[in-house]
């Protein structure tokens, strides 16, 4: 996944603030001599030392990754105790200062997939005839992680009630705290979606279901050593088919505009299409995501509905751009997205500025009502 605030293979190392492509340099930290060495394969700076890891200095205070963003202790004391970051966490004010996010410092961290899925789902919801700003919407987030997707959707549509489901207990707890930090109406359940099961009381209740699942089958690629990252990247007990089965069960059967929004690796599309068909679902809209203008797409965004709902929507005269579910289900046919691609960055040298569509989405989000100290430049 593409991580917020971290270097990526598409970005030249020389363009990244705080990273250097120069010769190795030695530095002194509390009497320990380390050597900074550029790793050209992964394009990040790595500290090399024969010293024991326990001898390294403790993590930087301030509960952020960049010292320039560090929180003053007095600022954090204004928060309720349960919302303050603890050892091993960061508290980040991200996306043009529009959302607070408690995250693991070295475990799973939010990435651009989260706000791209929120943008796509919100855009699709606004396109349906009933998708009005004054209408409450019920949102279920499967595989919620830290909760950023639901938080952004709820910030974009103020009358949103969210329910998040997350496998990992520590991520579910952070999602609860992030809901409180951002003052979102919602709750979180720690639950395993194995076999497509849902917690009691959630069947047939939701207008929008968001899915940002682990992209890859278990054992299909080298796994991150960190367990949080591993479970976020690779499937464990619940597969893509299970996520879609649970989403199908969760959609409101009386709302013929209810839909599922899912993001996936572009290369995993054949497997996702098969899972969609197995669950009696169909793709009504699709959009590819391109990291930098001119590159090949890396992600696919899908709006999925039950084929029965698709048929009823058409009979009711709801024609707002959805195509027939059968249009995109041919496994032998070449896949053709129904919407123009979504481009993140206009060029390699402009990685700090998104394209106009994304900037407009972020500009439209309200400033957090909870103020921690001063607002800062991001």
Protein backbone atom coordinates (compact mmCIF):
# COMPACT_ATOMS: atom_id res chain seq x y z
CA UNK A 1 0.00 0.00 0.00
CA UNK A 2 1.03 3.59 -0.51
CA UNK A 3 1.70 5.04 2.93
CA UNK A 4 0.90 8.62 3.90
CA UNK A 5 4.02 10.52 4.74
CA UNK A 6 6.43 7.81 3.60
CA UNK A 7 8.54 7.53 0.44
CA UNK A 8 7.27 5.46 -2.42
CA UNK A 9 8.96 3.80 -5.36
CA UNK A 10 7.49 6.34 -7.79
CA UNK A 11 9.10 9.27 -6.01
CA UNK A 12 12.75 10.10 -6.71
CA UNK A 13 14.72 9.99 -3.50
CA UNK A 14 16.19 13.41 -4.18
CA UNK A 15 12.75 14.97 -4.10
CA UNK A 16 11.85 13.75 -0.62
CA UNK A 17 12.33 16.16 2.23
CA UNK A 18 14.50 14.66 4.91
CA UNK A 19 15.98 11.98 2.65
CA UNK A 20 19.32 12.25 0.88
CA UNK A 21 20.85 10.36 -1.99
CA UNK A 22 24.31 11.44 -0.99
CA UNK A 23 27.24 9.37 0.31
CA UNK A 24 26.80 7.54 3.61
CA UNK A 25 27.22 9.75 6.67
CA UNK A 26 27.92 8.86 10.28
CA UNK A 27 26.03 10.46 13.14
CA UNK A 28 26.30 10.34 16.92
CA UNK A 29 23.20 9.55 18.99
CA UNK A 30 23.78 9.35 22.73
CA UNK A 31 27.30 8.09 22.21
CA UNK A 32 26.27 5.45 19.65
CA UNK A 33 27.78 5.79 16.19
CA UNK A 34 25.40 4.92 13.39
CA UNK A 35 25.90 4.97 9.66
CA UNK A 36 23.18 6.31 7.39
CA UNK A 37 23.06 4.32 4.17
CA UNK A 38 20.72 4.77 1.23
CA UNK A 39 18.88 1.65 0.16
CA UNK A 40 18.24 2.20 -3.54
CA UNK A 41 15.99 -0.81 -3.90
CA UNK A 42 13.37 0.39 -1.41
CA UNK A 43 14.39 4.05 -1.53
CA UNK A 44 14.51 4.90 2.09
CA UNK A 45 17.31 5.70 4.54
CA UNK A 46 18.35 2.83 6.76
CA UNK A 47 20.48 2.98 9.86
CA UNK A 48 23.12 0.27 9.99
CA UNK A 49 24.83 -0.67 13.24
CA UNK A 50 26.26 -3.68 14.99
CA UNK A 51 24.80 -2.43 18.28
CA UNK A 52 21.92 -4.23 19.92
CA UNK A 53 18.51 -2.74 19.07
CA UNK A 54 17.87 -2.20 22.78
CA UNK A 55 20.83 0.19 22.87
CA UNK A 56 19.17 2.55 20.40
CA UNK A 57 17.58 5.72 21.76
CA UNK A 58 13.90 5.61 22.63
CA UNK A 59 11.35 6.88 20.12
CA UNK A 60 11.20 10.62 19.63
CA UNK A 61 8.81 12.43 21.99
CA UNK A 62 5.92 14.44 20.63
CA UNK A 63 3.92 11.45 19.31
CA UNK A 64 4.46 12.24 15.62
CA UNK A 65 6.83 10.85 13.02
CA UNK A 66 8.25 14.23 12.06
CA UNK A 67 9.78 16.40 14.76
CA UNK A 68 8.38 19.51 13.07
CA UNK A 69 4.84 18.24 13.77
CA UNK A 70 5.42 17.25 17.40
CA UNK A 71 2.68 17.96 19.89
CA UNK A 72 3.45 20.04 22.93
CA UNK A 73 2.72 18.08 26.14
CA UNK A 74 0.39 20.86 27.25
CA UNK A 75 -1.64 20.44 24.05
CA UNK A 76 -2.12 16.72 24.67
CA UNK A 77 -3.17 17.29 28.27
CA UNK A 78 -6.29 19.06 26.97
CA UNK A 79 -7.51 15.70 25.64
CA UNK A 80 -9.45 13.14 27.67
CA UNK A 81 -7.04 10.52 28.95
CA UNK A 82 -8.27 7.74 26.65
CA UNK A 83 -7.72 9.90 23.55
CA UNK A 84 -4.09 10.74 24.27
CA UNK A 85 -1.49 8.82 22.26
CA UNK A 86 0.48 6.25 24.25
CA UNK A 87 3.91 4.73 23.80
CA UNK A 88 4.18 3.29 20.29
CA UNK A 89 1.45 5.52 18.82
CA UNK A 90 1.32 8.76 16.90
CA UNK A 91 -1.45 11.33 16.78
CA UNK A 92 -1.56 12.82 13.28
CA UNK A 93 -3.50 15.76 11.90
CA UNK A 94 -3.70 14.75 8.24
CA UNK A 95 -5.25 15.50 4.86
CA UNK A 96 -5.13 19.30 4.92
CA UNK A 97 -5.78 19.28 8.68
CA UNK A 98 -9.21 17.71 8.18
CA UNK A 99 -8.87 14.56 10.32
CA UNK A 100 -7.14 13.39 13.48
CA UNK A 101 -5.77 9.87 13.42
CA UNK A 102 -4.22 7.76 16.16
CA UNK A 103 -1.93 5.21 14.53
CA UNK A 104 0.74 2.70 15.42
CA UNK A 105 4.19 4.20 14.97
CA UNK A 106 5.65 1.03 13.45
CA UNK A 107 2.60 -1.11 12.72
CA UNK A 108 -0.31 -0.54 10.34
CA UNK A 109 -0.67 3.08 9.22
CA UNK A 110 -3.21 4.79 6.99
CA UNK A 111 -2.52 5.05 3.28
CA UNK A 112 -4.00 6.78 0.26
CA UNK A 113 -6.31 3.82 -0.38
CA UNK A 114 -8.40 5.02 2.57
CA UNK A 115 -9.21 8.53 1.40
CA UNK A 116 -9.53 7.44 -2.24
CA UNK A 117 -12.18 4.87 -1.26
CA UNK A 118 -13.98 7.51 0.83
CA UNK A 119 -13.94 9.94 -2.11
CA UNK A 120 -15.26 7.30 -4.52
CA UNK A 121 -18.00 6.05 -2.18
CA UNK A 122 -19.15 9.56 -1.29
CA UNK A 123 -19.24 10.54 -4.97
CA UNK A 124 -21.32 7.49 -5.84
CA UNK A 125 -23.69 8.12 -2.95
CA UNK A 126 -24.24 11.72 -4.07
CA UNK A 127 -25.12 10.51 -7.56
CA UNK A 128 -28.09 8.39 -6.47
CA UNK A 129 -31.49 10.13 -6.44
CA UNK A 130 -31.83 9.70 -2.66
CA UNK A 131 -28.28 10.80 -1.88
CA UNK A 132 -29.10 14.24 -0.53
CA UNK A 133 -27.13 16.16 2.14
CA UNK A 134 -30.25 16.30 4.34
CA UNK A 135 -30.80 12.53 4.30
CA UNK A 136 -29.21 10.37 7.01
CA UNK A 137 -27.10 7.50 5.70
CA UNK A 138 -26.10 4.28 7.45
CA UNK A 139 -22.57 3.13 6.64
CA UNK A 140 -20.85 -0.17 7.45
CA UNK A 141 -17.06 -0.34 7.18
CA UNK A 142 -15.63 -3.87 6.81
CA UNK A 143 -11.95 -4.20 7.63
CA UNK A 144 -11.96 -0.70 9.06
CA UNK A 145 -8.37 -0.58 10.34
CA UNK A 146 -7.90 2.76 12.12
CA UNK A 147 -11.30 3.91 10.86
CA UNK A 148 -10.14 6.57 8.39
CA UNK A 149 -12.44 5.58 5.49
CA UNK A 150 -15.60 5.89 7.57
CA UNK A 151 -14.38 9.04 9.28
CA UNK A 152 -13.81 10.80 5.97
CA UNK A 153 -17.16 9.66 4.57
CA UNK A 154 -18.88 10.92 7.72
CA UNK A 155 -17.02 14.23 7.53
CA UNK A 156 -18.16 14.63 3.93
CA UNK A 157 -21.79 13.70 4.72
CA UNK A 158 -22.61 15.10 8.14
CA UNK A 159 -25.71 12.95 8.74
CA UNK A 160 -23.84 9.66 8.76
CA UNK A 161 -24.09 6.86 11.29
CA UNK A 162 -21.14 4.48 10.92
CA UNK A 163 -20.47 1.01 12.21
CA UNK A 164 -16.97 -0.40 11.80
CA UNK A 165 -15.88 -4.03 11.90
CA UNK A 166 -12.20 -4.83 12.41
CA UNK A 167 -10.42 -8.14 13.02
CA UNK A 168 -7.45 -6.89 15.05
CA UNK A 169 -8.35 -5.87 18.63
CA UNK A 170 -5.73 -3.10 18.87
CA UNK A 171 -6.89 -1.55 15.59
CA UNK A 172 -10.53 -1.79 16.64
CA UNK A 173 -9.70 0.05 19.87
CA UNK A 174 -7.85 2.78 17.94
CA UNK A 175 -10.81 3.11 15.59
CA UNK A 176 -13.08 3.72 18.62
CA UNK A 177 -10.76 6.44 19.87
CA UNK A 178 -10.51 7.98 16.40
CA UNK A 179 -14.32 8.16 16.23
CA UNK A 180 -14.27 10.14 19.46
CA UNK A 181 -11.39 12.36 18.33
CA UNK A 182 -13.25 13.31 15.17
CA UNK A 183 -16.64 13.44 16.89
CA UNK A 184 -18.28 10.96 14.53
CA UNK A 185 -21.55 9.21 15.30
CA UNK A 186 -20.63 5.55 15.27
CA UNK A 187 -19.32 2.45 16.99
CA UNK A 188 -16.85 -0.38 16.40
CA UNK A 189 -17.06 -4.15 16.70
CA UNK A 190 -14.00 -6.40 16.87
CA UNK A 191 -15.09 -9.40 14.81
CA UNK A 192 -13.80 -12.04 12.39
CA UNK A 193 -15.68 -12.05 9.06
CA UNK A 194 -14.73 -15.67 8.40
CA UNK A 195 -17.26 -17.40 6.12
CA UNK A 196 -18.99 -14.05 5.57
CA UNK A 197 -20.64 -13.98 8.99
CA UNK A 198 -21.78 -10.71 10.57
CA UNK A 199 -22.28 -9.78 14.23
CA UNK A 200 -25.85 -10.09 15.46
CA UNK A 201 -28.15 -7.21 14.59
CA UNK A 202 -26.32 -5.96 11.48
CA UNK A 203 -28.13 -7.85 8.72
CA UNK A 204 -29.99 -5.71 6.19
CA UNK A 205 -29.38 -2.39 7.95
CA UNK A 206 -27.02 -0.35 5.77
CA UNK A 207 -27.21 2.00 2.79
CA UNK A 208 -23.48 1.96 2.00
CA UNK A 209 -20.92 -0.74 2.77
CA UNK A 210 -17.24 0.19 2.51
CA UNK A 211 -14.57 -2.48 1.97
CA UNK A 212 -10.83 -1.84 2.09
CA UNK A 213 -9.77 -5.47 2.57
CA UNK A 214 -6.41 -7.20 2.70
CA UNK A 215 -5.53 -7.27 -0.98
CA UNK A 216 -3.61 -10.51 -1.35
CA UNK A 217 -4.28 -14.21 -0.67
CA UNK A 218 -2.43 -15.72 2.27
CA UNK A 219 1.09 -16.79 1.35
CA UNK A 220 0.95 -15.24 -2.11
CA UNK A 221 3.85 -12.86 -1.45
CA UNK A 222 6.46 -11.98 1.11
CA UNK A 223 4.72 -10.96 4.28
CA UNK A 224 5.63 -7.95 6.47
CA UNK A 225 7.20 -9.07 9.74
CA UNK A 226 4.99 -6.77 11.75
CA UNK A 227 1.76 -8.64 12.53
CA UNK A 228 -0.48 -5.57 12.20
CA UNK A 229 0.88 -4.93 8.72
CA UNK A 230 0.74 -8.60 7.80
CA UNK A 231 -2.97 -8.96 8.62
CA UNK A 232 -3.74 -5.67 6.85
CA UNK A 233 -1.99 -6.76 3.64
CA UNK A 234 -2.75 -10.49 3.37
CA UNK A 235 -5.95 -12.42 3.93
CA UNK A 236 -6.15 -14.61 7.00
CA UNK A 237 -9.40 -16.27 8.06
CA UNK A 238 -11.66 -14.07 5.89
CA UNK A 239 -11.14 -13.96 2.12
CA UNK A 240 -12.33 -11.45 -0.46
CA UNK A 241 -15.35 -13.68 -1.10
CA UNK A 242 -16.20 -13.61 2.62
CA UNK A 243 -16.00 -9.80 2.75
CA UNK A 244 -18.41 -9.52 -0.17
CA UNK A 245 -20.78 -12.09 1.30
CA UNK A 246 -20.93 -10.15 4.55
CA UNK A 247 -21.46 -6.90 2.65
CA UNK A 248 -24.30 -8.43 0.64
CA UNK A 249 -25.98 -9.56 3.86
CA UNK A 250 -25.55 -6.11 5.43
CA UNK A 251 -27.22 -4.09 2.64
CA UNK A 252 -30.73 -2.83 3.33
CA UNK A 253 -33.09 -4.99 1.29
CA UNK A 254 -35.70 -2.22 1.20
CA UNK A 255 -33.28 0.36 -0.22
CA UNK A 256 -32.80 -0.34 -3.88
CA UNK A 257 -30.03 2.26 -4.08
CA UNK A 258 -27.91 0.57 -1.38
CA UNK A 259 -24.47 -0.37 -2.66
CA UNK A 260 -21.02 -1.70 -1.77
CA UNK A 261 -17.84 0.28 -2.51
CA UNK A 262 -14.61 -1.69 -2.61
CA UNK A 263 -10.98 -0.91 -3.46
CA UNK A 264 -8.56 -3.58 -4.59
CA UNK A 265 -5.18 -4.06 -6.24
CA UNK A 266 -5.71 -3.81 -10.01
CA UNK A 267 -3.96 -7.15 -10.54
CA UNK A 268 -6.44 -8.90 -8.23
CA UNK A 269 -9.45 -7.93 -10.37
CA UNK A 270 -10.12 -11.41 -11.85
CA UNK A 271 -10.32 -12.91 -8.35
CA UNK A 272 -12.59 -10.09 -7.15
CA UNK A 273 -14.92 -10.45 -10.14
CA UNK A 274 -15.24 -14.16 -9.42
CA UNK A 275 -16.13 -13.42 -5.78
CA UNK A 276 -18.70 -10.85 -6.91
CA UNK A 277 -20.39 -13.37 -9.16
CA UNK A 278 -20.36 -16.06 -6.45
CA UNK A 279 -22.32 -13.74 -4.17
CA UNK A 280 -25.00 -12.89 -6.75
CA UNK A 281 -23.65 -9.36 -7.04
CA UNK A 282 -22.78 -7.21 -10.01
CA UNK A 283 -20.53 -4.27 -10.80
CA UNK A 284 -22.50 -1.15 -11.61
CA UNK A 285 -19.59 1.32 -11.75
CA UNK A 286 -15.83 0.94 -11.90
CA UNK A 287 -12.88 3.28 -11.83
CA UNK A 288 -9.13 2.77 -11.99
CA UNK A 289 -6.74 4.67 -9.73
CA UNK A 290 -3.43 5.94 -11.10
CA UNK A 291 -0.75 7.08 -8.70
CA UNK A 292 0.98 9.56 -11.02
CA UNK A 293 -0.47 10.84 -14.28
CA UNK A 294 0.81 8.78 -17.20
CA UNK A 295 1.49 5.60 -15.24
CA UNK A 296 -0.36 2.31 -15.30
CA UNK A 297 -3.32 1.94 -12.88
CA UNK A 298 -2.47 0.36 -9.54
CA UNK A 299 -5.90 0.15 -7.89
CA UNK A 300 -9.46 -0.54 -8.97
CA UNK A 301 -12.54 1.01 -7.36
CA UNK A 302 -15.83 -0.85 -7.76
CA UNK A 303 -19.42 0.01 -6.96
CA UNK A 304 -21.23 -3.28 -6.43
CA UNK A 305 -24.94 -4.01 -6.07
CA UNK A 306 -27.16 -7.07 -5.97
CA UNK A 307 -28.48 -7.91 -9.39
CA UNK A 308 -32.04 -7.86 -8.03
CA UNK A 309 -31.55 -4.29 -6.79
CA UNK A 310 -30.01 -3.30 -10.10
CA UNK A 311 -33.08 -4.59 -11.91
CA UNK A 312 -35.53 -2.89 -9.53
CA UNK A 313 -33.65 0.43 -9.77
CA UNK A 314 -33.91 0.34 -13.55
CA UNK A 315 -37.63 -0.51 -13.44
CA UNK A 316 -38.20 2.40 -11.06
CA UNK A 317 -36.64 4.77 -13.56
CA UNK A 318 -33.47 5.35 -11.54
CA UNK A 319 -31.00 6.07 -14.30
CA UNK A 320 -28.04 7.97 -12.91
CA UNK A 321 -25.18 6.35 -14.74
CA UNK A 322 -25.23 2.75 -13.47
CA UNK A 323 -24.70 0.16 -16.13
CA UNK A 324 -26.24 -3.27 -16.21
CA UNK A 325 -24.57 -5.67 -13.79
CA UNK A 326 -23.92 -8.06 -16.66
CA UNK A 327 -21.85 -5.46 -18.54
CA UNK A 328 -18.72 -6.09 -16.49
CA UNK A 329 -19.10 -9.72 -15.47
CA UNK A 330 -17.70 -11.38 -18.57
CA UNK A 331 -14.51 -13.09 -17.42
CA UNK A 332 -13.21 -13.57 -20.93
CA UNK A 333 -13.91 -10.02 -22.06
CA UNK A 334 -11.36 -7.26 -21.59
CA UNK A 335 -12.24 -5.16 -18.57
CA UNK A 336 -13.30 -1.62 -19.41
CA UNK A 337 -13.86 0.83 -16.51
CA UNK A 338 -17.11 2.77 -16.72
CA UNK A 339 -15.68 5.99 -15.25
CA UNK A 340 -12.56 8.04 -16.07
CA UNK A 341 -9.45 7.12 -14.06
CA UNK A 342 -8.79 8.79 -10.73
CA UNK A 343 -5.29 10.28 -10.71
CA UNK A 344 -3.61 11.05 -7.39
CA UNK A 345 -0.70 13.27 -8.38
CA UNK A 346 -0.28 15.35 -11.57
CA UNK A 347 3.46 14.62 -11.81
CA UNK A 348 6.40 13.09 -9.98
CA UNK A 349 7.63 16.45 -8.80
CA UNK A 350 4.27 17.46 -7.30
CA UNK A 351 3.81 14.71 -4.70
CA UNK A 352 2.70 17.20 -2.06
CA UNK A 353 -0.27 18.38 -4.16
CA UNK A 354 -3.08 16.10 -5.29
CA UNK A 355 -5.00 16.48 -8.52
CA UNK A 356 -7.89 18.94 -8.60
CA UNK A 357 -10.61 16.36 -7.91
CA UNK A 358 -8.95 15.12 -4.72
CA UNK A 359 -8.07 18.61 -3.53
CA UNK A 360 -11.70 19.66 -3.98
CA UNK A 361 -12.86 16.69 -1.91
CA UNK A 362 -10.43 17.55 0.90
CA UNK A 363 -11.29 21.27 0.74
CA UNK A 364 -14.97 20.40 1.15
CA UNK A 365 -14.38 18.58 4.44
CA UNK A 366 -15.06 20.65 7.55
CA UNK A 367 -12.28 21.59 9.95
CA UNK A 368 -12.36 19.31 13.02
CA UNK A 369 -14.52 20.73 15.79
CA UNK A 370 -12.09 19.40 18.38
CA UNK A 371 -9.16 21.79 18.62
CA UNK A 372 -5.91 20.50 20.08
CA UNK A 373 -3.59 23.44 20.61
CA UNK A 374 -2.98 25.31 17.40
CA UNK A 375 -3.75 24.28 13.85
CA UNK A 376 -0.53 23.69 12.00
CA UNK A 377 0.67 23.58 8.43
CA UNK A 378 0.72 20.11 6.89
